Amino acid sequence: MKKFVSVLASIVLGVSSIAANAEIWKDYDLSQEVTELTVIAVKPNYVDGYLTRLEGTWVNSMQVLKDQGVIKDFAVWAANVADTPNVFLTVSYENMGAMQQNAAQYQKMVAEVTKRYESSQEENQEISQGYEDYREIIDRKVLSRVTYK
């Protein structure tokens, strides 16, 4: 038993000394590129409908922003379990500064979405407002990729 306790103590001390000596930029880097993660809980019987409607609103907008060079990439992820959260949206940006949009970018995106997909802002607003009945945004995070040295 004493041997077990001493081995356990040495492991704990070793782990804590590693944590105390680890330094960002020395032991690991964080990417300049960032990904915004939105975590969504959709009521189970509404997931298919939500994913389908999302294409006509969020996906179309993100595709235009990607084509305009505002964002690097985007994706819709779905968990293949009945539990929630069950839908995850990601948007990748060149850096934190690229996340700062302005009125001109927004108007340019709305005009292109309307032209490209023949939809009006009012139609998209009507679809989006219905989302609140069967989905809840659980969390939103901005992530940086960790690269170990």
C-alpha atoms as a PDB file:
ATOM      1  CA  MET A   1       0.000   0.000   0.000  1.00  0.00           C
ATOM      2  CA  LYS A   2       2.838   2.417   0.833  1.00  0.00           C
ATOM      3  CA  LYS A   3       4.413   1.670  -2.524  1.00  0.00           C
ATOM      4  CA  PHE A   4       1.118   2.419  -4.302  1.00  0.00           C
ATOM      5  CA  VAL A   5       0.767   5.757  -2.483  1.00  0.00           C
ATOM      6  CA  SER A   6       4.344   6.757  -3.311  1.00  0.00           C
ATOM      7  CA  VAL A   7       3.865   5.851  -6.998  1.00  0.00           C
ATOM      8  CA  LEU A   8       0.590   7.793  -7.078  1.00  0.00           C
ATOM      9  CA  ALA A   9       2.242  10.791  -5.398  1.00  0.00           C
ATOM     10  CA  SER A  10       5.098  10.802  -7.924  1.00  0.00           C
ATOM     11  CA  ILE A  11       2.617  10.673 -10.824  1.00  0.00           C
ATOM     12  CA  VAL A  12       0.626  13.595  -9.391  1.00  0.00           C
ATOM     13  CA  LEU A  13       3.802  15.612  -8.822  1.00  0.00           C
ATOM     14  CA  GLY A  14       5.038  14.830 -12.326  1.00  0.00           C
ATOM     15  CA  VAL A  15       1.770  15.891 -13.954  1.00  0.00           C
ATOM     16  CA  SER A  16       1.553  19.085 -11.920  1.00  0.00           C
ATOM     17  CA  SER A  17       5.140  20.010 -12.770  1.00  0.00           C
ATOM     18  CA  ILE A  18       4.418  19.539 -16.483  1.00  0.00           C
ATOM     19  CA  ALA A  19       1.362  21.795 -16.236  1.00  0.00           C
ATOM     20  CA  ALA A  20       3.298  24.430 -14.306  1.00  0.00           C
ATOM     21  CA  ASN A  21       6.063  24.551 -16.936  1.00  0.00           C
ATOM     22  CA  ALA A  22       3.909  24.522 -20.078  1.00  0.00           C
ATOM     23  CA  GLU A  23       3.859  27.806 -21.980  1.00  0.00           C
ATOM     24  CA  ILE A  24       1.924  29.014 -24.980  1.00  0.00           C
ATOM     25  CA  TRP A  25       4.190  29.795 -27.978  1.00  0.00           C
ATOM     26  CA  LYS A  26       6.953  27.716 -26.375  1.00  0.00           C
ATOM     27  CA  ASP A  27       5.243  24.339 -25.990  1.00  0.00           C
ATOM     28  CA  TYR A  28       2.305  24.891 -28.325  1.00  0.00           C
ATOM     29  CA  ASP A  29       0.884  27.480 -30.723  1.00  0.00           C
ATOM     30  CA  LEU A  30      -2.646  28.721 -31.261  1.00  0.00           C
ATOM     31  CA  SER A  31      -3.669  29.290 -34.861  1.00  0.00           C
ATOM     32  CA  GLN A  32      -4.442  32.727 -36.222  1.00  0.00           C
ATOM     33  CA  GLU A  33      -7.393  31.134 -38.018  1.00  0.00           C
ATOM     34  CA  VAL A  34     -10.423  30.816 -35.766  1.00  0.00           C
ATOM     35  CA  THR A  35     -13.600  28.778 -36.009  1.00  0.00           C
ATOM     36  CA  GLU A  36     -16.880  29.917 -34.530  1.00  0.00           C
ATOM     37  CA  LEU A  37     -18.868  26.943 -33.206  1.00  0.00           C
ATOM     38  CA  THR A  38     -22.598  27.254 -32.582  1.00  0.00           C
ATOM     39  CA  VAL A  39     -24.179  24.411 -30.608  1.00  0.00           C
ATOM     40  CA  ILE A  40     -27.895  23.867 -31.219  1.00  0.00           C
ATOM     41  CA  ALA A  41     -30.536  21.660 -29.629  1.00  0.00           C
ATOM     42  CA  VAL A  42     -33.292  20.823 -32.116  1.00  0.00           C
ATOM     43  CA  LYS A  43     -36.342  18.909 -30.927  1.00  0.00           C
ATOM     44  CA  PRO A  44     -35.897  15.332 -32.211  1.00  0.00           C
ATOM     45  CA  ASN A  45     -38.889  15.254 -34.568  1.00  0.00           C
ATOM     46  CA  TYR A  46     -37.811  18.520 -36.204  1.00  0.00           C
ATOM     47  CA  VAL A  47     -34.170  17.831 -37.089  1.00  0.00           C
ATOM     48  CA  ASP A  48     -34.777  16.894 -40.751  1.00  0.00           C
ATOM     49  CA  GLY A  49     -36.991  19.922 -41.343  1.00  0.00           C
ATOM     50  CA  TYR A  50     -34.551  22.226 -39.576  1.00  0.00           C
ATOM     51  CA  LEU A  51     -31.601  20.986 -41.621  1.00  0.00           C
ATOM     52  CA  THR A  52     -33.580  21.407 -44.849  1.00  0.00           C
ATOM     53  CA  ARG A  53     -34.722  24.955 -43.999  1.00  0.00           C
ATOM     54  CA  LEU A  54     -31.214  25.862 -42.841  1.00  0.00           C
ATOM     55  CA  GLU A  55     -29.978  25.385 -46.390  1.00  0.00           C
ATOM     56  CA  GLY A  56     -32.299  28.119 -47.630  1.00  0.00           C
ATOM     57  CA  THR A  57     -31.206  30.618 -44.992  1.00  0.00           C
ATOM     58  CA  TRP A  58     -27.904  30.141 -43.154  1.00  0.00           C
ATOM     59  CA  VAL A  59     -26.119  27.914 -45.704  1.00  0.00           C
ATOM     60  CA  ASN A  60     -26.972  30.224 -48.626  1.00  0.00           C
ATOM     61  CA  SER A  61     -25.716  33.249 -46.666  1.00  0.00           C
ATOM     62  CA  MET A  62     -22.506  31.483 -45.679  1.00  0.00           C
ATOM     63  CA  GLN A  63     -21.854  30.375 -49.266  1.00  0.00           C
ATOM     64  CA  VAL A  64     -22.118  33.984 -50.427  1.00  0.00           C
ATOM     65  CA  LEU A  65     -19.788  35.160 -47.639  1.00  0.00           C
ATOM     66  CA  LYS A  66     -17.300  32.449 -48.608  1.00  0.00           C
ATOM     67  CA  ASP A  67     -17.482  33.427 -52.288  1.00  0.00           C
ATOM     68  CA  GLN A  68     -16.949  37.071 -51.302  1.00  0.00           C
ATOM     69  CA  GLY A  69     -13.858  36.111 -49.274  1.00  0.00           C
ATOM     70  CA  VAL A  70     -15.325  37.209 -45.945  1.00  0.00           C
ATOM     71  CA  ILE A  71     -15.075  33.710 -44.437  1.00  0.00           C
ATOM     72  CA  LYS A  72     -12.742  30.791 -45.209  1.00  0.00           C
ATOM     73  CA  ASP A  73     -15.233  27.960 -44.807  1.00  0.00           C
ATOM     74  CA  PHE A  74     -18.405  26.814 -43.074  1.00  0.00           C
ATOM     75  CA  ALA A  75     -20.129  23.543 -42.247  1.00  0.00           C
ATOM     76  CA  VAL A  76     -23.271  22.057 -40.775  1.00  0.00           C
ATOM     77  CA  TRP A  77     -22.747  19.050 -38.509  1.00  0.00           C
ATOM     78  CA  ALA A  78     -25.427  16.711 -37.179  1.00  0.00           C
ATOM     79  CA  ALA A  79     -25.048  14.246 -34.330  1.00  0.00           C
ATOM     80  CA  ASN A  80     -26.396  10.821 -35.169  1.00  0.00           C
ATOM     81  CA  VAL A  81     -28.000  10.342 -31.777  1.00  0.00           C
ATOM     82  CA  ALA A  82     -31.478  11.245 -30.586  1.00  0.00           C
ATOM     83  CA  ASP A  83     -30.147  13.302 -27.691  1.00  0.00           C
ATOM     84  CA  THR A  84     -29.456  17.026 -27.817  1.00  0.00           C
ATOM     85  CA  PRO A  85     -27.516  19.095 -28.662  1.00  0.00           C
ATOM     86  CA  ASN A  86     -27.686  17.608 -32.104  1.00  0.00           C
ATOM     87  CA  VAL A  87     -26.763  20.284 -34.667  1.00  0.00           C
ATOM     88  CA  PHE A  88     -23.465  22.168 -34.811  1.00  0.00           C
ATOM     89  CA  LEU A  89     -22.591  25.042 -37.137  1.00  0.00           C
ATOM     90  CA  THR A  90     -19.006  26.087 -37.833  1.00  0.00           C
ATOM     91  CA  VAL A  91     -17.660  29.169 -39.577  1.00  0.00           C
ATOM     92  CA  SER A  92     -13.915  29.554 -40.141  1.00  0.00           C
ATOM     93  CA  TYR A  93     -12.278  32.975 -40.380  1.00  0.00           C
ATOM     94  CA  GLU A  94      -8.754  33.976 -41.413  1.00  0.00           C
ATOM     95  CA  ASN A  95      -8.282  35.566 -37.973  1.00  0.00           C
ATOM     96  CA  MET A  96     -10.217  37.263 -35.156  1.00  0.00           C
ATOM     97  CA  GLY A  97     -10.254  40.563 -37.053  1.00  0.00           C
ATOM     98  CA  ALA A  98     -12.088  38.953 -39.971  1.00  0.00           C
ATOM     99  CA  MET A  99     -15.002  38.209 -37.638  1.00  0.00           C
ATOM    100  CA  GLN A 100     -15.721  41.941 -37.423  1.00  0.00           C
ATOM    101  CA  GLN A 101     -18.248  42.561 -40.171  1.00  0.00           C
ATOM    102  CA  ASN A 102     -19.627  45.925 -41.172  1.00  0.00           C
ATOM    103  CA  ALA A 103     -22.785  47.351 -42.724  1.00  0.00           C
ATOM    104  CA  ALA A 104     -21.321  47.409 -46.241  1.00  0.00           C
ATOM    105  CA  GLN A 105     -20.380  43.698 -46.113  1.00  0.00           C
ATOM    106  CA  TYR A 106     -23.825  42.825 -44.751  1.00  0.00           C
ATOM    107  CA  GLN A 107     -25.676  44.766 -47.471  1.00  0.00           C
ATOM    108  CA  LYS A 108     -23.465  43.230 -50.160  1.00  0.00           C
ATOM    109  CA  MET A 109     -24.200  39.720 -48.804  1.00  0.00           C
ATOM    110  CA  VAL A 110     -27.990  40.346 -48.623  1.00  0.00           C
ATOM    111  CA  ALA A 111     -28.051  41.696 -52.174  1.00  0.00           C
ATOM    112  CA  GLU A 112     -26.107  38.692 -53.495  1.00  0.00           C
ATOM    113  CA  VAL A 113     -28.261  36.158 -51.593  1.00  0.00           C
ATOM    114  CA  THR A 114     -31.415  37.794 -52.989  1.00  0.00           C
ATOM    115  CA  LYS A 115     -30.003  37.791 -56.532  1.00  0.00           C
ATOM    116  CA  ARG A 116     -28.470  34.323 -56.455  1.00  0.00           C
ATOM    117  CA  TYR A 117     -31.197  32.407 -54.657  1.00  0.00           C
ATOM    118  CA  GLU A 118     -34.205  34.509 -55.716  1.00  0.00           C
ATOM    119  CA  SER A 119     -35.301  34.985 -52.142  1.00  0.00           C
ATOM    120  CA  SER A 120     -36.175  38.105 -50.282  1.00  0.00           C
ATOM    121  CA  GLN A 121     -34.991  39.149 -46.869  1.00  0.00           C
ATOM    122  CA  GLU A 122     -38.623  38.969 -45.716  1.00  0.00           C
ATOM    123  CA  GLU A 123     -38.921  35.320 -46.829  1.00  0.00           C
ATOM    124  CA  ASN A 124     -35.719  34.383 -45.019  1.00  0.00           C
ATOM    125  CA  GLN A 125     -36.855  36.270 -41.919  1.00  0.00           C
ATOM    126  CA  GLU A 126     -40.159  34.375 -41.918  1.00  0.00           C
ATOM    127  CA  ILE A 127     -38.376  31.007 -42.166  1.00  0.00           C
ATOM    128  CA  SER A 128     -35.861  31.961 -39.481  1.00  0.00           C
ATOM    129  CA  GLN A 129     -38.490  33.157 -37.023  1.00  0.00           C
ATOM    130  CA  GLY A 130     -40.079  29.702 -37.054  1.00  0.00           C
ATOM    131  CA  TYR A 131     -36.815  28.198 -35.820  1.00  0.00           C
ATOM    132  CA  GLU A 132     -37.452  29.434 -32.290  1.00  0.00           C
ATOM    133  CA  ASP A 133     -40.374  27.012 -31.935  1.00  0.00           C
ATOM    134  CA  TYR A 134     -38.221  23.899 -32.185  1.00  0.00           C
ATOM    135  CA  ARG A 135     -34.584  24.823 -31.648  1.00  0.00           C
ATOM    136  CA  GLU A 136     -32.475  26.471 -28.991  1.00  0.00           C
ATOM    137  CA  ILE A 137     -28.959  27.838 -29.364  1.00  0.00           C
ATOM    138  CA  ILE A 138     -27.118  26.233 -26.452  1.00  0.00           C
ATOM    139  CA  ASP A 139     -23.682  27.745 -26.800  1.00  0.00           C
ATOM    140  CA  ARG A 140     -21.349  29.696 -29.054  1.00  0.00           C
ATOM    141  CA  LYS A 141     -17.556  29.441 -28.879  1.00  0.00           C
ATOM    142  CA  VAL A 142     -14.631  30.802 -30.851  1.00  0.00           C
ATOM    143  CA  LEU A 143     -11.956  28.134 -31.220  1.00  0.00           C
ATOM    144  CA  SER A 144      -8.283  28.265 -32.164  1.00  0.00           C
ATOM    145  CA  ARG A 145      -6.444  25.168 -33.340  1.00  0.00           C
ATOM    146  CA  VAL A 146      -3.661  23.969 -31.058  1.00  0.00           C
ATOM    147  CA  THR A 147      -0.410  22.898 -32.695  1.00  0.00           C
ATOM    148  CA  TYR A 148       2.145  21.181 -30.477  1.00  0.00           C
ATOM    149  CA  LYS A 149       5.837  21.810 -30.925  1.00  0.00           C
END
